Amino acid sequence: MSHSNFYRKVKSLTGQSGKELLNEMRMSRAKQILTENKDIRIDEVAYMIGFTSPKYFGKSFKEAFGVAPSEMKGKKA
């Protein structure tokens, strides 16, 4: 399957681009990790889900959920 066909298929099924879909999945996984494990550092979570910059991860997380990752640590969702 070509890249353009794949893009169109993902867009038609989800209403999101591949990048948006992947980012949503990463953020939900980060939220899960942070709520289940209060002892993990924010930068470790960022690297675990594929971000290379913890600062950008924090910014993206806050955009997605309205709270900083540090405020999410140990809370039950």
N, C-alpha and C. Protein backbone atom coordinates (compact mmCIF):
# COMPACT_ATOMS: atom_id res chain seq x y z
N MET A 1 0.85 -1.18 0.00
CA MET A 1 0.00 0.00 0.00
C MET A 1 0.90 1.24 0.00
N SER A 2 0.60 2.17 -0.84
CA SER A 2 1.42 3.37 -0.92
C SER A 2 1.13 4.30 0.27
N HIS A 3 2.04 5.21 0.49
CA HIS A 3 1.92 6.16 1.59
C HIS A 3 0.63 6.98 1.45
N SER A 4 0.36 7.45 0.27
CA SER A 4 -0.83 8.29 0.08
C SER A 4 -2.13 7.50 0.28
N ASN A 5 -2.16 6.26 -0.16
CA ASN A 5 -3.34 5.43 0.07
C ASN A 5 -3.53 5.14 1.56
N PHE A 6 -2.42 4.87 2.22
CA PHE A 6 -2.48 4.63 3.66
C PHE A 6 -3.00 5.87 4.39
N TYR A 7 -2.47 7.03 4.03
CA TYR A 7 -2.90 8.29 4.64
C TYR A 7 -4.40 8.50 4.46
N ARG A 8 -4.89 8.30 3.24
CA ARG A 8 -6.31 8.49 2.96
C ARG A 8 -7.17 7.50 3.75
N LYS A 9 -6.72 6.27 3.86
CA LYS A 9 -7.47 5.24 4.58
C LYS A 9 -7.55 5.58 6.07
N VAL A 10 -6.43 5.96 6.67
CA VAL A 10 -6.41 6.35 8.09
C VAL A 10 -7.30 7.56 8.31
N LYS A 11 -7.21 8.53 7.43
CA LYS A 11 -8.01 9.75 7.54
C LYS A 11 -9.50 9.44 7.43
N SER A 12 -9.88 8.55 6.53
CA SER A 12 -11.29 8.23 6.36
C SER A 12 -11.83 7.42 7.54
N LEU A 13 -11.01 6.56 8.12
CA LEU A 13 -11.46 5.73 9.24
C LEU A 13 -11.52 6.47 10.57
N THR A 14 -10.54 7.37 10.79
CA THR A 14 -10.42 8.01 12.10
C THR A 14 -10.75 9.50 12.09
N GLY A 15 -10.69 10.11 10.93
CA GLY A 15 -10.89 11.55 10.87
C GLY A 15 -9.65 12.33 11.28
N GLN A 16 -8.55 11.63 11.50
CA GLN A 16 -7.30 12.25 11.89
C GLN A 16 -6.19 11.84 10.94
N SER A 17 -5.16 12.67 10.88
CA SER A 17 -3.99 12.27 10.10
C SER A 17 -3.23 11.21 10.89
N GLY A 18 -2.30 10.56 10.24
CA GLY A 18 -1.49 9.55 10.92
C GLY A 18 -0.73 10.13 12.09
N LYS A 19 -0.20 11.32 11.92
CA LYS A 19 0.56 11.99 12.98
C LYS A 19 -0.35 12.31 14.16
N GLU A 20 -1.54 12.80 13.90
CA GLU A 20 -2.48 13.11 14.98
C GLU A 20 -2.90 11.85 15.73
N LEU A 21 -3.13 10.79 15.00
CA LEU A 21 -3.53 9.52 15.61
C LEU A 21 -2.41 8.96 16.48
N LEU A 22 -1.20 8.97 15.97
CA LEU A 22 -0.06 8.49 16.73
C LEU A 22 0.15 9.33 17.99
N ASN A 23 0.05 10.63 17.86
CA ASN A 23 0.24 11.51 19.00
C ASN A 23 -0.84 11.27 20.06
N GLU A 24 -2.07 11.06 19.65
CA GLU A 24 -3.14 10.76 20.59
C GLU A 24 -2.87 9.46 21.34
N MET A 25 -2.39 8.46 20.62
CA MET A 25 -2.07 7.18 21.25
C MET A 25 -0.91 7.33 22.24
N ARG A 26 0.11 8.09 21.85
CA ARG A 26 1.25 8.32 22.74
C ARG A 26 0.81 9.04 24.02
N MET A 27 -0.02 10.06 23.85
CA MET A 27 -0.46 10.83 25.02
C MET A 27 -1.31 9.99 25.97
N SER A 28 -2.18 9.15 25.42
CA SER A 28 -3.00 8.31 26.30
C SER A 28 -2.12 7.30 27.03
N ARG A 29 -1.09 6.79 26.37
CA ARG A 29 -0.16 5.87 27.04
C ARG A 29 0.62 6.60 28.12
N ALA A 30 1.04 7.82 27.85
CA ALA A 30 1.77 8.61 28.85
C ALA A 30 0.90 8.86 30.07
N LYS A 31 -0.35 9.20 29.84
CA LYS A 31 -1.29 9.43 30.94
C LYS A 31 -1.45 8.17 31.78
N GLN A 32 -1.56 7.04 31.10
CA GLN A 32 -1.69 5.76 31.81
C GLN A 32 -0.45 5.48 32.66
N ILE A 33 0.72 5.68 32.11
CA ILE A 33 1.96 5.43 32.85
C ILE A 33 2.05 6.35 34.06
N LEU A 34 1.74 7.63 33.86
CA LEU A 34 1.85 8.59 34.95
C LEU A 34 0.86 8.33 36.07
N THR A 35 -0.34 7.89 35.74
CA THR A 35 -1.34 7.64 36.78
C THR A 35 -1.07 6.34 37.53
N GLU A 36 -0.46 5.38 36.86
CA GLU A 36 -0.20 4.09 37.50
C GLU A 36 1.08 4.07 38.32
N ASN A 37 2.03 4.94 38.02
CA ASN A 37 3.33 4.89 38.67
C ASN A 37 3.77 6.28 39.10
N LYS A 38 3.64 6.58 40.38
CA LYS A 38 3.99 7.91 40.87
C LYS A 38 5.49 8.12 41.02
N ASP A 39 6.27 7.04 40.97
CA ASP A 39 7.71 7.15 41.17
C ASP A 39 8.51 7.37 39.88
N ILE A 40 7.86 7.35 38.74
CA ILE A 40 8.56 7.51 37.47
C ILE A 40 8.76 9.00 37.18
N ARG A 41 9.91 9.32 36.58
CA ARG A 41 10.19 10.71 36.24
C ARG A 41 9.53 11.07 34.90
N ILE A 42 9.19 12.33 34.76
CA ILE A 42 8.52 12.82 33.55
C ILE A 42 9.39 12.59 32.32
N ASP A 43 10.69 12.84 32.42
CA ASP A 43 11.55 12.65 31.26
C ASP A 43 11.62 11.18 30.84
N GLU A 44 11.55 10.27 31.79
CA GLU A 44 11.53 8.85 31.46
C GLU A 44 10.29 8.49 30.64
N VAL A 45 9.16 9.03 31.05
CA VAL A 45 7.91 8.79 30.32
C VAL A 45 8.01 9.35 28.91
N ALA A 46 8.56 10.55 28.78
CA ALA A 46 8.72 11.17 27.47
C ALA A 46 9.53 10.27 26.54
N TYR A 47 10.64 9.76 27.03
CA TYR A 47 11.49 8.90 26.21
C TYR A 47 10.81 7.56 25.92
N MET A 48 10.05 7.03 26.88
CA MET A 48 9.37 5.75 26.71
C MET A 48 8.35 5.79 25.57
N ILE A 49 7.67 6.92 25.42
CA ILE A 49 6.62 6.99 24.40
C ILE A 49 7.10 7.58 23.08
N GLY A 50 8.40 7.89 22.99
CA GLY A 50 8.96 8.27 21.71
C GLY A 50 9.29 9.73 21.51
N PHE A 51 9.21 10.55 22.56
CA PHE A 51 9.61 11.94 22.44
C PHE A 51 11.11 12.05 22.71
N THR A 52 11.79 12.93 22.03
CA THR A 52 13.21 13.13 22.27
C THR A 52 13.46 14.33 23.16
N SER A 53 12.44 15.14 23.38
CA SER A 53 12.56 16.33 24.22
C SER A 53 11.51 16.31 25.32
N PRO A 54 11.93 16.17 26.57
CA PRO A 54 10.97 16.20 27.68
C PRO A 54 10.19 17.53 27.75
N LYS A 55 10.84 18.62 27.36
CA LYS A 55 10.17 19.92 27.38
C LYS A 55 9.01 19.95 26.37
N TYR A 56 9.24 19.44 25.18
CA TYR A 56 8.19 19.39 24.16
C TYR A 56 7.09 18.41 24.58
N PHE A 57 7.48 17.32 25.22
CA PHE A 57 6.49 16.36 25.73
C PHE A 57 5.57 17.06 26.73
N GLY A 58 6.14 17.82 27.66
CA GLY A 58 5.33 18.53 28.66
C GLY A 58 4.36 19.49 28.01
N LYS A 59 4.83 20.20 27.00
CA LYS A 59 3.98 21.16 26.29
C LYS A 59 2.84 20.42 25.56
N SER A 60 3.18 19.34 24.89
CA SER A 60 2.17 18.56 24.16
C SER A 60 1.16 17.92 25.10
N PHE A 61 1.64 17.43 26.24
CA PHE A 61 0.77 16.79 27.22
C PHE A 61 -0.23 17.81 27.77
N LYS A 62 0.26 19.00 28.07
CA LYS A 62 -0.62 20.04 28.60
C LYS A 62 -1.66 20.45 27.55
N GLU A 63 -1.29 20.52 26.29
CA GLU A 63 -2.25 20.82 25.22
C GLU A 63 -3.31 19.74 25.12
N ALA A 64 -2.90 18.49 25.29
CA ALA A 64 -3.82 17.37 25.13
C ALA A 64 -4.79 17.23 26.30
N PHE A 65 -4.31 17.43 27.53
CA PHE A 65 -5.13 17.15 28.70
C PHE A 65 -5.44 18.37 29.59
N GLY A 66 -4.82 19.49 29.31
CA GLY A 66 -5.11 20.70 30.09
C GLY A 66 -4.39 20.78 31.42
N VAL A 67 -3.56 19.80 31.72
CA VAL A 67 -2.76 19.81 32.95
C VAL A 67 -1.34 19.38 32.62
N ALA A 68 -0.40 19.82 33.44
CA ALA A 68 0.99 19.43 33.25
C ALA A 68 1.17 17.97 33.65
N PRO A 69 2.14 17.28 33.07
CA PRO A 69 2.36 15.88 33.45
C PRO A 69 2.64 15.71 34.93
N SER A 70 3.30 16.66 35.55
CA SER A 70 3.60 16.55 36.98
C SER A 70 2.33 16.57 37.84
N GLU A 71 1.29 17.21 37.36
CA GLU A 71 0.02 17.25 38.09
C GLU A 71 -0.74 15.92 37.94
N MET A 72 -0.38 15.12 36.96
CA MET A 72 -1.07 13.87 36.67
C MET A 72 -0.46 12.71 37.45
N LYS A 73 0.76 12.86 37.95
CA LYS A 73 1.47 11.76 38.59
C LYS A 73 0.70 11.22 39.79
N GLY A 74 0.45 9.93 39.75
CA GLY A 74 -0.18 9.25 40.88
C GLY A 74 -1.69 9.40 40.97
N LYS A 75 -2.29 10.25 40.15
CA LYS A 75 -3.75 10.41 40.17
C LYS A 75 -4.40 9.26 39.45
N LYS A 76 -5.57 8.89 39.89
CA LYS A 76 -6.34 7.86 39.20
C LYS A 76 -7.24 8.54 38.17
N ALA A 77 -7.21 8.03 36.96
CA ALA A 77 -7.99 8.64 35.88
C ALA A 77 -9.45 8.29 35.96
